[in-house]
PDB file of N, CA and C in Angstrom:
ATOM      1  N   MET A   1     -45.789 101.594 112.982  1.00  0.00           N
ATOM      2  CA  MET A   1     -46.773 102.451 112.363  1.00  0.00           C
ATOM      3  C   MET A   1     -48.060 101.648 112.175  1.00  0.00           C
ATOM      4  N   HIS A   2     -49.200 102.218 112.552  1.00  0.00           N
ATOM      5  CA  HIS A   2     -50.487 101.552 112.390  1.00  0.00           C
ATOM      6  C   HIS A   2     -50.923 101.559 110.929  1.00  0.00           C
ATOM      7  N   GLN A   3     -51.533 100.465 110.530  1.00  0.00           N
ATOM      8  CA  GLN A   3     -52.110 100.346 109.205  1.00  0.00           C
ATOM      9  C   GLN A   3     -53.507  99.784 109.363  1.00  0.00           C
ATOM     10  N   ILE A   4     -54.312  99.833 108.288  1.00  0.00           N
ATOM     11  CA  ILE A   4     -55.666  99.286 108.367  1.00  0.00           C
ATOM     12  C   ILE A   4     -55.906  98.269 107.261  1.00  0.00           C
ATOM     13  N   LYS A   5     -56.807  97.367 107.532  1.00  0.00           N
ATOM     14  CA  LYS A   5     -57.316  96.408 106.550  1.00  0.00           C
ATOM     15  C   LYS A   5     -58.832  96.466 106.678  1.00  0.00           C
ATOM     16  N   ILE A   6     -59.535  96.613 105.552  1.00  0.00           N
ATOM     17  CA  ILE A   6     -60.983  96.732 105.543  1.00  0.00           C
ATOM     18  C   ILE A   6     -61.591  95.473 104.926  1.00  0.00           C
ATOM     19  N   PHE A   7     -62.603  94.951 105.606  1.00  0.00           N
ATOM     20  CA  PHE A   7     -63.340  93.793 105.116  1.00  0.00           C
ATOM     21  C   PHE A   7     -64.803  94.187 104.972  1.00  0.00           C
ATOM     22  N   LYS A   8     -65.474  93.611 103.972  1.00  0.00           N
ATOM     23  CA  LYS A   8     -66.899  93.878 103.750  1.00  0.00           C
ATOM     24  C   LYS A   8     -67.581  92.568 103.404  1.00  0.00           C
ATOM     25  N   GLY A   9     -68.767  92.377 103.961  1.00  0.00           N
ATOM     26  CA  GLY A   9     -69.529  91.172 103.667  1.00  0.00           C
ATOM     27  C   GLY A   9     -71.009  91.415 103.881  1.00  0.00           C
ATOM     28  N   LEU A  10     -71.761  90.314 103.899  1.00  0.00           N
ATOM     29  CA  LEU A  10     -73.196  90.386 104.133  1.00  0.00           C
ATOM     30  C   LEU A  10     -73.541  89.682 105.429  1.00  0.00           C
ATOM     31  N   GLU A  11     -74.564  90.175 106.109  1.00  0.00           N
ATOM     32  CA  GLU A  11     -74.948  89.576 107.386  1.00  0.00           C
ATOM     33  C   GLU A  11     -75.401  88.135 107.221  1.00  0.00           C
ATOM     34  N   THR A  12     -75.878  87.779 106.041  1.00  0.00           N
ATOM     35  CA  THR A  12     -76.314  86.406 105.804  1.00  0.00           C
ATOM     36  C   THR A  12     -75.146  85.462 105.569  1.00  0.00           C
ATOM     37  N   ASP A  13     -73.942  86.007 105.434  1.00  0.00           N
ATOM     38  CA  ASP A  13     -72.759  85.181 105.186  1.00  0.00           C
ATOM     39  C   ASP A  13     -71.640  85.543 106.156  1.00  0.00           C
ATOM     40  N   ILE A  14     -72.005  85.698 107.417  1.00  0.00           N
ATOM     41  CA  ILE A  14     -71.032  86.077 108.452  1.00  0.00           C
ATOM     42  C   ILE A  14     -69.922  85.043 108.573  1.00  0.00           C
ATOM     43  N   SER A  15     -70.256  83.764 108.430  1.00  0.00           N
ATOM     44  CA  SER A  15     -69.238  82.720 108.588  1.00  0.00           C
ATOM     45  C   SER A  15     -68.139  82.857 107.530  1.00  0.00           C
ATOM     46  N   PHE A  16     -68.500  83.263 106.305  1.00  0.00           N
ATOM     47  CA  PHE A  16     -67.489  83.481 105.270  1.00  0.00           C
ATOM     48  C   PHE A  16     -66.588  84.649 105.639  1.00  0.00           C
ATOM     49  N   LEU A  17     -67.184  85.734 106.119  1.00  0.00           N
ATOM     50  CA  LEU A  17     -66.401  86.909 106.522  1.00  0.00           C
ATOM     51  C   LEU A  17     -65.461  86.549 107.673  1.00  0.00           C
ATOM     52  N   GLU A  18     -65.970  85.784 108.618  1.00  0.00           N
ATOM     53  CA  GLU A  18     -65.157  85.358 109.753  1.00  0.00           C
ATOM     54  C   GLU A  18     -63.966  84.514 109.282  1.00  0.00           C
ATOM     55  N   LYS A  19     -64.208  83.583 108.371  1.00  0.00           N
ATOM     56  CA  LYS A  19     -63.118  82.759 107.834  1.00  0.00           C
ATOM     57  C   LYS A  19     -62.108  83.610 107.078  1.00  0.00           C
ATOM     58  N   GLN A  20     -62.605  84.589 106.331  1.00  0.00           N
ATOM     59  CA  GLN A  20     -61.730  85.485 105.567  1.00  0.00           C
ATOM     60  C   GLN A  20     -60.822  86.281 106.502  1.00  0.00           C
ATOM     61  N   VAL A  21     -61.379  86.837 107.557  1.00  0.00           N
ATOM     62  CA  VAL A  21     -60.598  87.630 108.509  1.00  0.00           C
ATOM     63  C   VAL A  21     -59.598  86.734 109.243  1.00  0.00           C
ATOM     64  N   ASN A  22     -60.054  85.586 109.720  1.00  0.00           N
ATOM     65  CA  ASN A  22     -59.154  84.684 110.445  1.00  0.00           C
ATOM     66  C   ASN A  22     -58.021  84.171 109.563  1.00  0.00           C
ATOM     67  N   SER A  23     -58.308  83.886 108.299  1.00  0.00           N
ATOM     68  CA  SER A  23     -57.253  83.452 107.368  1.00  0.00           C
ATOM     69  C   SER A  23     -56.226  84.554 107.160  1.00  0.00           C
ATOM     70  N   TRP A  24     -56.719  85.779 106.978  1.00  0.00           N
ATOM     71  CA  TRP A  24     -55.801  86.907 106.780  1.00  0.00           C
ATOM     72  C   TRP A  24     -54.920  87.101 108.008  1.00  0.00           C
ATOM     73  N   LEU A  25     -55.524  87.019 109.200  1.00  0.00           N
ATOM     74  CA  LEU A  25     -54.747  87.175 110.432  1.00  0.00           C
ATOM     75  C   LEU A  25     -53.696  86.080 110.564  1.00  0.00           C
ATOM     76  N   PHE A  26     -54.062  84.845 110.246  1.00  0.00           N
ATOM     77  CA  PHE A  26     -53.129  83.730 110.345  1.00  0.00           C
ATOM     78  C   PHE A  26     -51.980  83.872 109.341  1.00  0.00           C
ATOM     79  N   GLU A  27     -52.322  84.239 108.109  1.00  0.00           N
ATOM     80  CA  GLU A  27     -51.311  84.347 107.046  1.00  0.00           C
ATOM     81  C   GLU A  27     -50.346  85.505 107.265  1.00  0.00           C
ATOM     82  N   THR A  28     -50.839  86.612 107.762  1.00  0.00           N
ATOM     83  CA  THR A  28     -49.988  87.799 107.892  1.00  0.00           C
ATOM     84  C   THR A  28     -49.271  87.884 109.228  1.00  0.00           C
ATOM     85  N   GLN A  29     -49.816  87.214 110.259  1.00  0.00           N
ATOM     86  CA  GLN A  29     -49.216  87.232 111.598  1.00  0.00           C
ATOM     87  C   GLN A  29     -49.000  88.654 112.115  1.00  0.00           C
ATOM     88  N   VAL A  30     -49.956  89.539 111.839  1.00  0.00           N
ATOM     89  CA  VAL A  30     -49.859  90.917 112.309  1.00  0.00           C
ATOM     90  C   VAL A  30     -50.304  91.004 113.765  1.00  0.00           C
ATOM     91  N   ARG A  31     -49.970  92.112 114.398  1.00  0.00           N
ATOM     92  CA  ARG A  31     -50.432  92.379 115.761  1.00  0.00           C
ATOM     93  C   ARG A  31     -51.620  93.319 115.663  1.00  0.00           C
ATOM     94  N   VAL A  32     -52.785  92.838 116.083  1.00  0.00           N
ATOM     95  CA  VAL A  32     -54.016  93.625 116.004  1.00  0.00           C
ATOM     96  C   VAL A  32     -54.016  94.662 117.123  1.00  0.00           C
ATOM     97  N   VAL A  33     -54.220  95.912 116.751  1.00  0.00           N
ATOM     98  CA  VAL A  33     -54.296  97.006 117.706  1.00  0.00           C
ATOM     99  C   VAL A  33     -55.753  97.248 118.100  1.00  0.00           C
ATOM    100  N   HIS A  34     -56.640  97.177 117.110  1.00  0.00           N
ATOM    101  CA  HIS A  34     -58.057  97.478 117.357  1.00  0.00           C
ATOM    102  C   HIS A  34     -58.876  96.935 116.200  1.00  0.00           C
ATOM    103  N   MET A  35     -60.101  96.517 116.494  1.00  0.00           N
ATOM    104  CA  MET A  35     -61.061  96.115 115.460  1.00  0.00           C
ATOM    105  C   MET A  35     -62.381  96.815 115.738  1.00  0.00           C
ATOM    106  N   PHE A  36     -63.027  97.263 114.693  1.00  0.00           N
ATOM    107  CA  PHE A  36     -64.366  97.819 114.848  1.00  0.00           C
ATOM    108  C   PHE A  36     -65.148  97.586 113.574  1.00  0.00           C
ATOM    109  N   GLY A  37     -66.459  97.616 113.694  1.00  0.00           N
ATOM    110  CA  GLY A  37     -67.290  97.351 112.531  1.00  0.00           C
ATOM    111  C   GLY A  37     -68.660  97.960 112.665  1.00  0.00           C
ATOM    112  N   ASN A  38     -69.468  97.698 111.647  1.00  0.00           N
ATOM    113  CA  ASN A  38     -70.796  98.270 111.597  1.00  0.00           C
ATOM    114  C   ASN A  38     -71.667  97.418 110.683  1.00  0.00           C
ATOM    115  N   LEU A  39     -72.962  97.394 110.975  1.00  0.00           N
ATOM    116  CA  LEU A  39     -73.964  96.811 110.089  1.00  0.00           C
ATOM    117  C   LEU A  39     -74.703  97.960 109.425  1.00  0.00           C
ATOM    118  N   SER A  40     -74.908  97.865 108.139  1.00  0.00           N
ATOM    119  CA  SER A  40     -75.608  98.918 107.424  1.00  0.00           C
ATOM    120  C   SER A  40     -76.862  98.335 106.778  1.00  0.00           C
ATOM    121  N   PRO A  41     -78.030  98.586 107.371  1.00  0.00           N
ATOM    122  CA  PRO A  41     -79.262  98.053 106.798  1.00  0.00           C
ATOM    123  C   PRO A  41     -79.513  98.604 105.403  1.00  0.00           C
ATOM    124  N   GLN A  42     -80.072  97.768 104.565  1.00  0.00           N
ATOM    125  CA  GLN A  42     -80.357  98.166 103.201  1.00  0.00           C
ATOM    126  C   GLN A  42     -81.830  98.534 103.060  1.00  0.00           C
ATOM    127  N   THR A  43     -82.123  99.361 102.089  1.00  0.00           N
ATOM    128  CA  THR A  43     -83.502  99.743 101.805  1.00  0.00           C
ATOM    129  C   THR A  43     -84.164  98.625 101.015  1.00  0.00           C
ATOM    130  N   ALA A  44     -85.390  98.291 101.381  1.00  0.00           N
ATOM    131  CA  ALA A  44     -86.133  97.258 100.654  1.00  0.00           C
ATOM    132  C   ALA A  44     -86.384  97.719  99.222  1.00  0.00           C
ATOM    133  N   PRO A  45     -86.298  96.808  98.252  1.00  0.00           N
ATOM    134  CA  PRO A  45     -86.540  97.200  96.862  1.00  0.00           C
ATOM    135  C   PRO A  45     -87.981  97.638  96.657  1.00  0.00           C
ATOM    136  N   VAL A  46     -88.166  98.625  95.794  1.00  0.00           N
ATOM    137  CA  VAL A  46     -89.501  99.133  95.491  1.00  0.00           C
ATOM    138  C   VAL A  46     -90.282  98.088  94.702  1.00  0.00           C
ATOM    139  N   ASP A  47     -89.595  97.399  93.797  1.00  0.00           N
ATOM    140  CA  ASP A  47     -90.217  96.366  92.978  1.00  0.00           C
ATOM    141  C   ASP A  47     -90.416  95.114  93.821  1.00  0.00           C
ATOM    142  N   THR A  48     -91.655  94.755  94.093  1.00  0.00           N
ATOM    143  CA  THR A  48     -91.925  93.602  94.956  1.00  0.00           C
ATOM    144  C   THR A  48     -91.554  92.287  94.285  1.00  0.00           C
ATOM    145  N   ASP A  49     -91.387  92.293  92.955  1.00  0.00           N
ATOM    146  CA  ASP A  49     -90.983  91.079  92.245  1.00  0.00           C
ATOM    147  C   ASP A  49     -89.466  90.959  92.158  1.00  0.00           C
ATOM    148  N   ALA A  50     -88.751  91.958  92.654  1.00  0.00           N
ATOM    149  CA  ALA A  50     -87.285  91.932  92.599  1.00  0.00           C
ATOM    150  C   ALA A  50     -86.757  90.806  93.487  1.00  0.00           C
ATOM    151  N   THR A  51     -85.680  90.214  93.041  1.00  0.00           N
ATOM    152  CA  THR A  51     -85.090  89.131  93.829  1.00  0.00           C
ATOM    153  C   THR A  51     -83.900  89.662  94.593  1.00  0.00           C
ATOM    154  N   ALA A  52     -83.685  89.088  95.746  1.00  0.00           N
ATOM    155  CA  ALA A  52     -82.546  89.444  96.581  1.00  0.00           C
ATOM    156  C   ALA A  52     -81.825  88.160  96.953  1.00  0.00           C
ATOM    157  N   ILE A  53     -80.726  88.289  97.647  1.00  0.00           N
ATOM    158  CA  ILE A  53     -79.964  87.126  98.072  1.00  0.00           C
ATOM    159  C   ILE A  53     -80.787  86.280  99.033  1.00  0.00           C
ATOM    160  N   THR A  54     -81.543  86.919  99.879  1.00  0.00           N
ATOM    161  CA  THR A  54     -82.362  86.183 100.849  1.00  0.00           C
ATOM    162  C   THR A  54     -83.832  86.455 100.596  1.00  0.00           C
ATOM    163  N   LYS A  55     -84.644  85.515 100.996  1.00  0.00           N
ATOM    164  CA  LYS A  55     -86.088  85.700 100.915  1.00  0.00           C
ATOM    165  C   LYS A  55     -86.544  86.331 102.216  1.00  0.00           C
ATOM    166  N   GLY A  56     -87.355  87.334 102.134  1.00  0.00           N
ATOM    167  CA  GLY A  56     -87.848  87.992 103.328  1.00  0.00           C
ATOM    168  C   GLY A  56     -88.189  89.428 103.030  1.00  0.00           C
ATOM    169  N   PRO A  57     -88.773  90.105 104.010  1.00  0.00           N
ATOM    170  CA  PRO A  57     -89.211  91.479 103.773  1.00  0.00           C
ATOM    171  C   PRO A  57     -88.050  92.485 103.690  1.00  0.00           C
ATOM    172  N   PHE A  58     -86.863  92.102 104.186  1.00  0.00           N
ATOM    173  CA  PHE A  58     -85.738  93.025 104.200  1.00  0.00           C
ATOM    174  C   PHE A  58     -84.518  92.391 103.538  1.00  0.00           C
ATOM    175  N   PRO A  59     -83.809  93.141 102.714  1.00  0.00           N
ATOM    176  CA  PRO A  59     -82.571  92.602 102.135  1.00  0.00           C
ATOM    177  C   PRO A  59     -81.477  92.517 103.205  1.00  0.00           C
ATOM    178  N   SER A  60     -80.465  91.717 102.921  1.00  0.00           N
ATOM    179  CA  SER A  60     -79.351  91.547 103.856  1.00  0.00           C
ATOM    180  C   SER A  60     -78.620  92.854 104.102  1.00  0.00           C
ATOM    181  N   SER A  61     -78.151  93.040 105.318  1.00  0.00           N
ATOM    182  CA  SER A  61     -77.355  94.215 105.661  1.00  0.00           C
ATOM    183  C   SER A  61     -75.894  93.981 105.287  1.00  0.00           C
ATOM    184  N   ASP A  62     -75.208  95.065 104.964  1.00  0.00           N
ATOM    185  CA  ASP A  62     -73.766  95.000 104.740  1.00  0.00           C
ATOM    186  C   ASP A  62     -73.067  94.980 106.089  1.00  0.00           C
ATOM    187  N   VAL A  63     -71.981  94.227 106.166  1.00  0.00           N
ATOM    188  CA  VAL A  63     -71.151  94.186 107.358  1.00  0.00           C
ATOM    189  C   VAL A  63     -69.811  94.798 106.971  1.00  0.00           C
ATOM    190  N   PHE A  64     -69.368  95.761 107.751  1.00  0.00           N
ATOM    191  CA  PHE A  64     -68.123  96.492 107.490  1.00  0.00           C
ATOM    192  C   PHE A  64     -67.225  96.281 108.696  1.00  0.00           C
ATOM    193  N   LEU A  65     -66.011  95.802 108.463  1.00  0.00           N
ATOM    194  CA  LEU A  65     -65.082  95.531 109.552  1.00  0.00           C
ATOM    195  C   LEU A  65     -63.721  96.144 109.224  1.00  0.00           C
ATOM    196  N   VAL A  66     -63.175  96.877 110.175  1.00  0.00           N
ATOM    197  CA  VAL A  66     -61.851  97.488 110.009  1.00  0.00           C
ATOM    198  C   VAL A  66     -60.916  96.911 111.067  1.00  0.00           C
ATOM    199  N   VAL A  67     -59.754  96.472 110.624  1.00  0.00           N
ATOM    200  CA  VAL A  67     -58.732  95.971 111.525  1.00  0.00           C
ATOM    201  C   VAL A  67     -57.574  96.956 111.501  1.00  0.00           C
ATOM    202  N   VAL A  68     -57.254  97.505 112.660  1.00  0.00           N
ATOM    203  CA  VAL A  68     -56.074  98.368 112.807  1.00  0.00           C
ATOM    204  C   VAL A  68     -54.965  97.458 113.311  1.00  0.00           C
ATOM    205  N   TYR A  69     -53.828  97.458 112.619  1.00  0.00           N
ATOM    206  CA  TYR A  69     -52.773  96.516 112.962  1.00  0.00           C
ATOM    207  C   TYR A  69     -51.383  97.119 112.798  1.00  0.00           C
ATOM    208  N   GLU A  70     -50.413  96.396 113.325  1.00  0.00           N
ATOM    209  CA  GLU A  70     -48.994  96.710 113.109  1.00  0.00           C
ATOM    210  C   GLU A  70     -48.312  95.472 112.583  1.00  0.00           C
ATOM    211  N   LYS A  71     -47.394  95.666 111.673  1.00  0.00           N
ATOM    212  CA  LYS A  71     -46.604  94.545 111.161  1.00  0.00           C
ATOM    213  C   LYS A  71     -45.587  94.140 112.227  1.00  0.00           C
ATOM    214  N   ASN A  72     -45.382  92.851 112.356  1.00  0.00           N
ATOM    215  CA  ASN A  72     -44.378  92.356 113.324  1.00  0.00           C
ATOM    216  C   ASN A  72     -42.970  92.528 112.797  1.00  0.00           C
TER     217      ASN A  72
END
């Protein structure tokens, strides 16, 4: 039976998300059926003095990753 695991992160911290997914795959030893994901751009804050995780004209995008898997 197929199951899903959902991961969420920020585009500025892709390496952390990658480590998180790889650790989960290693620990669970599941068989991956399919993976898909999406980047979701964020709206710039109206307040120009507002702080964000990154410096720049645009805030970091959310990264959404879904792993479809089967237990061994």
